[in-house]
């Protein structure tokens, strides 16, 4: 199985990054392909199961407006270490993602994302794209 990794410095303290990640609904903001999250009552806790939805499937502009969101499957929260580490399993895609947060200079956070999964499901750019989106969200928050 392919394993891809990326590291990015986020322009926010680790506590702020964690607070953002701890809200299940924010997964759709930074994980590529996820457009909606319905977490179970446990939220971000080991064993929690979240239902995910993706956007309309490919098929052009007309199809995008005539079809609703498609189910993207189930996510299981495997491991949580507050402000340090998060391991998620995208069950239907058979993708495991590990996100590690470490303090960096100037109240920034170094985020390392490692993604494992079948070669047809994991592109070499997946981890980098996810961290770029997370960086953009943290950058926006840092500007205020």
C-alpha atoms as a PDB file:
ATOM      1  CA  UNK A   1       0.000   0.000   0.000  1.00  0.00           C
ATOM      2  CA  UNK A   2       1.241   3.470  -0.782  1.00  0.00           C
ATOM      3  CA  UNK A   3       2.252   5.720   2.067  1.00  0.00           C
ATOM      4  CA  UNK A   4       2.422   9.465   1.490  1.00  0.00           C
ATOM      5  CA  UNK A   5       3.513  12.106   3.952  1.00  0.00           C
ATOM      6  CA  UNK A   6       3.701  15.866   4.101  1.00  0.00           C
ATOM      7  CA  UNK A   7       4.793  18.416   6.681  1.00  0.00           C
ATOM      8  CA  UNK A   8       3.707  22.040   6.863  1.00  0.00           C
ATOM      9  CA  UNK A   9       4.174  24.833   9.370  1.00  0.00           C
ATOM     10  CA  UNK A  10       0.810  26.256  10.381  1.00  0.00           C
ATOM     11  CA  UNK A  11       0.590  29.894  11.413  1.00  0.00           C
ATOM     12  CA  UNK A  12      -1.221  29.300  14.683  1.00  0.00           C
ATOM     13  CA  UNK A  13      -0.365  27.883  18.119  1.00  0.00           C
ATOM     14  CA  UNK A  14      -0.895  24.170  18.603  1.00  0.00           C
ATOM     15  CA  UNK A  15      -3.824  24.751  20.994  1.00  0.00           C
ATOM     16  CA  UNK A  16      -5.682  26.763  18.340  1.00  0.00           C
ATOM     17  CA  UNK A  17      -5.001  24.206  15.627  1.00  0.00           C
ATOM     18  CA  UNK A  18      -6.232  21.442  17.926  1.00  0.00           C
ATOM     19  CA  UNK A  19      -9.375  23.367  18.832  1.00  0.00           C
ATOM     20  CA  UNK A  20     -10.149  23.621  15.107  1.00  0.00           C
ATOM     21  CA  UNK A  21      -9.454  19.917  14.482  1.00  0.00           C
ATOM     22  CA  UNK A  22     -11.483  18.824  17.523  1.00  0.00           C
ATOM     23  CA  UNK A  23     -14.675  20.119  15.900  1.00  0.00           C
ATOM     24  CA  UNK A  24     -15.796  17.209  13.661  1.00  0.00           C
ATOM     25  CA  UNK A  25     -17.665  19.439  11.218  1.00  0.00           C
ATOM     26  CA  UNK A  26     -14.382  21.162  10.287  1.00  0.00           C
ATOM     27  CA  UNK A  27     -13.077  17.985   8.628  1.00  0.00           C
ATOM     28  CA  UNK A  28     -15.004  19.013   5.507  1.00  0.00           C
ATOM     29  CA  UNK A  29     -13.056  22.287   5.466  1.00  0.00           C
ATOM     30  CA  UNK A  30      -9.607  20.706   5.219  1.00  0.00           C
ATOM     31  CA  UNK A  31      -9.881  17.071   4.039  1.00  0.00           C
ATOM     32  CA  UNK A  32     -10.064  16.847   0.218  1.00  0.00           C
ATOM     33  CA  UNK A  33     -13.244  15.229  -1.092  1.00  0.00           C
ATOM     34  CA  UNK A  34     -15.257  15.470   2.130  1.00  0.00           C
ATOM     35  CA  UNK A  35     -18.131  17.941   1.909  1.00  0.00           C
ATOM     36  CA  UNK A  36     -20.134  17.026   4.970  1.00  0.00           C
ATOM     37  CA  UNK A  37     -19.726  15.275   8.326  1.00  0.00           C
ATOM     38  CA  UNK A  38     -22.327  13.800  10.627  1.00  0.00           C
ATOM     39  CA  UNK A  39     -20.425  12.841  13.799  1.00  0.00           C
ATOM     40  CA  UNK A  40     -21.787  10.559  16.457  1.00  0.00           C
ATOM     41  CA  UNK A  41     -22.400  11.961  19.923  1.00  0.00           C
ATOM     42  CA  UNK A  42     -18.838  11.223  21.084  1.00  0.00           C
ATOM     43  CA  UNK A  43     -17.294  13.802  18.737  1.00  0.00           C
ATOM     44  CA  UNK A  44     -13.517  13.481  18.527  1.00  0.00           C
ATOM     45  CA  UNK A  45     -12.979  10.455  20.745  1.00  0.00           C
ATOM     46  CA  UNK A  46     -11.504   7.005  20.136  1.00  0.00           C
ATOM     47  CA  UNK A  47     -14.131   4.714  18.659  1.00  0.00           C
ATOM     48  CA  UNK A  48     -16.358   7.539  17.412  1.00  0.00           C
ATOM     49  CA  UNK A  49     -17.928   6.917  13.997  1.00  0.00           C
ATOM     50  CA  UNK A  50     -18.727   9.757  11.638  1.00  0.00           C
ATOM     51  CA  UNK A  51     -20.780   9.554   8.470  1.00  0.00           C
ATOM     52  CA  UNK A  52     -19.186  11.464   5.595  1.00  0.00           C
ATOM     53  CA  UNK A  53     -20.652  12.872   2.408  1.00  0.00           C
ATOM     54  CA  UNK A  54     -18.868  13.971  -0.713  1.00  0.00           C
ATOM     55  CA  UNK A  55     -20.014  16.518  -3.262  1.00  0.00           C
ATOM     56  CA  UNK A  56     -21.924  15.640  -6.406  1.00  0.00           C
ATOM     57  CA  UNK A  57     -20.174  13.042  -8.501  1.00  0.00           C
ATOM     58  CA  UNK A  58     -18.416  13.885 -11.742  1.00  0.00           C
ATOM     59  CA  UNK A  59     -20.601  14.402 -14.747  1.00  0.00           C
ATOM     60  CA  UNK A  60     -20.485  18.032 -15.671  1.00  0.00           C
ATOM     61  CA  UNK A  61     -22.209  21.185 -14.573  1.00  0.00           C
ATOM     62  CA  UNK A  62     -25.761  19.954 -15.180  1.00  0.00           C
ATOM     63  CA  UNK A  63     -25.160  16.810 -13.130  1.00  0.00           C
ATOM     64  CA  UNK A  64     -23.749  18.908 -10.286  1.00  0.00           C
ATOM     65  CA  UNK A  65     -27.084  20.720  -9.940  1.00  0.00           C
ATOM     66  CA  UNK A  66     -29.415  17.770 -10.484  1.00  0.00           C
ATOM     67  CA  UNK A  67     -27.869  15.205  -8.138  1.00  0.00           C
ATOM     68  CA  UNK A  68     -27.516  15.551  -4.420  1.00  0.00           C
ATOM     69  CA  UNK A  69     -24.462  14.685  -2.344  1.00  0.00           C
ATOM     70  CA  UNK A  70     -23.298  11.107  -2.495  1.00  0.00           C
ATOM     71  CA  UNK A  71     -22.360   9.143   0.601  1.00  0.00           C
ATOM     72  CA  UNK A  72     -18.617   9.016   1.055  1.00  0.00           C
ATOM     73  CA  UNK A  73     -18.705   6.442   3.804  1.00  0.00           C
ATOM     74  CA  UNK A  74     -17.725   6.117   7.413  1.00  0.00           C
ATOM     75  CA  UNK A  75     -14.795   7.499   9.357  1.00  0.00           C
ATOM     76  CA  UNK A  76     -13.656   5.933  12.636  1.00  0.00           C
ATOM     77  CA  UNK A  77     -11.586   7.926  15.104  1.00  0.00           C
ATOM     78  CA  UNK A  78      -8.880   5.421  16.061  1.00  0.00           C
ATOM     79  CA  UNK A  79      -6.611   7.336  18.415  1.00  0.00           C
ATOM     80  CA  UNK A  80      -6.559  10.801  19.987  1.00  0.00           C
ATOM     81  CA  UNK A  81      -3.817  12.448  22.040  1.00  0.00           C
ATOM     82  CA  UNK A  82      -5.027  15.969  22.794  1.00  0.00           C
ATOM     83  CA  UNK A  83      -3.017  18.673  21.009  1.00  0.00           C
ATOM     84  CA  UNK A  84      -0.510  16.077  19.735  1.00  0.00           C
ATOM     85  CA  UNK A  85      -1.823  13.244  17.602  1.00  0.00           C
ATOM     86  CA  UNK A  86      -4.886  12.072  15.720  1.00  0.00           C
ATOM     87  CA  UNK A  87      -5.399   8.812  13.809  1.00  0.00           C
ATOM     88  CA  UNK A  88      -8.443   8.412  11.549  1.00  0.00           C
ATOM     89  CA  UNK A  89      -9.653   5.481   9.480  1.00  0.00           C
ATOM     90  CA  UNK A  90     -11.754   6.172   6.381  1.00  0.00           C
ATOM     91  CA  UNK A  91     -13.438   2.762   6.435  1.00  0.00           C
ATOM     92  CA  UNK A  92     -14.911   2.489   2.931  1.00  0.00           C
ATOM     93  CA  UNK A  93     -11.785   3.890   1.254  1.00  0.00           C
ATOM     94  CA  UNK A  94      -9.478   1.817   3.486  1.00  0.00           C
ATOM     95  CA  UNK A  95      -7.376   4.932   4.130  1.00  0.00           C
ATOM     96  CA  UNK A  96      -5.635   5.531   7.436  1.00  0.00           C
ATOM     97  CA  UNK A  97      -4.468   9.052   8.259  1.00  0.00           C
ATOM     98  CA  UNK A  98      -2.177  10.096  11.109  1.00  0.00           C
ATOM     99  CA  UNK A  99      -1.793  13.765  11.958  1.00  0.00           C
ATOM    100  CA  UNK A 100       0.968  14.808  14.343  1.00  0.00           C
ATOM    101  CA  UNK A 101       1.173  18.350  15.781  1.00  0.00           C
ATOM    102  CA  UNK A 102       4.388  19.755  17.246  1.00  0.00           C
ATOM    103  CA  UNK A 103       5.267  23.220  18.490  1.00  0.00           C
ATOM    104  CA  UNK A 104       7.280  25.325  16.051  1.00  0.00           C
ATOM    105  CA  UNK A 105       8.870  28.755  16.318  1.00  0.00           C
ATOM    106  CA  UNK A 106       6.895  31.979  16.839  1.00  0.00           C
ATOM    107  CA  UNK A 107       3.821  30.229  18.282  1.00  0.00           C
ATOM    108  CA  UNK A 108       3.380  28.225  15.099  1.00  0.00           C
ATOM    109  CA  UNK A 109       2.640  24.518  14.740  1.00  0.00           C
ATOM    110  CA  UNK A 110       4.420  21.902  12.655  1.00  0.00           C
ATOM    111  CA  UNK A 111       1.841  19.485  11.256  1.00  0.00           C
ATOM    112  CA  UNK A 112       2.855  16.153   9.737  1.00  0.00           C
ATOM    113  CA  UNK A 113       0.229  14.101   7.950  1.00  0.00           C
ATOM    114  CA  UNK A 114       0.890  10.490   6.926  1.00  0.00           C
ATOM    115  CA  UNK A 115      -1.695   8.725   4.764  1.00  0.00           C
ATOM    116  CA  UNK A 116      -1.756   4.963   4.021  1.00  0.00           C
ATOM    117  CA  UNK A 117      -4.179   3.257   1.680  1.00  0.00           C
ATOM    118  CA  UNK A 118      -4.731   1.379  -1.570  1.00  0.00           C
ATOM    119  CA  UNK A 119      -2.838   2.819  -4.518  1.00  0.00           C
ATOM    120  CA  UNK A 120      -6.045   3.615  -6.386  1.00  0.00           C
ATOM    121  CA  UNK A 121      -7.351   5.639  -3.421  1.00  0.00           C
ATOM    122  CA  UNK A 122      -4.267   7.523  -2.215  1.00  0.00           C
ATOM    123  CA  UNK A 123      -2.738  10.057  -4.567  1.00  0.00           C
ATOM    124  CA  UNK A 124       0.780  11.276  -3.913  1.00  0.00           C
ATOM    125  CA  UNK A 125      -0.602  14.762  -3.340  1.00  0.00           C
ATOM    126  CA  UNK A 126      -3.363  13.895  -0.824  1.00  0.00           C
ATOM    127  CA  UNK A 127      -1.401  14.672   2.359  1.00  0.00           C
ATOM    128  CA  UNK A 128       0.046  17.864   0.888  1.00  0.00           C
ATOM    129  CA  UNK A 129      -3.357  19.096  -0.322  1.00  0.00           C
ATOM    130  CA  UNK A 130      -4.945  18.437   3.086  1.00  0.00           C
ATOM    131  CA  UNK A 131      -2.187  20.323   4.911  1.00  0.00           C
ATOM    132  CA  UNK A 132      -2.325  23.187   2.406  1.00  0.00           C
ATOM    133  CA  UNK A 133      -6.033  23.570   3.127  1.00  0.00           C
ATOM    134  CA  UNK A 134      -5.407  23.404   6.883  1.00  0.00           C
ATOM    135  CA  UNK A 135      -2.620  25.999   6.490  1.00  0.00           C
ATOM    136  CA  UNK A 136      -4.947  28.347   4.590  1.00  0.00           C
ATOM    137  CA  UNK A 137      -7.541  28.087   7.364  1.00  0.00           C
ATOM    138  CA  UNK A 138      -4.936  28.769  10.061  1.00  0.00           C
ATOM    139  CA  UNK A 139      -3.489  31.636   7.999  1.00  0.00           C
ATOM    140  CA  UNK A 140      -6.924  33.230   7.798  1.00  0.00           C
ATOM    141  CA  UNK A 141      -7.356  32.942  11.560  1.00  0.00           C
ATOM    142  CA  UNK A 142      -3.862  34.372  12.191  1.00  0.00           C
ATOM    143  CA  UNK A 143      -4.653  37.490  10.175  1.00  0.00           C
ATOM    144  CA  UNK A 144      -7.381  38.598  12.611  1.00  0.00           C
END
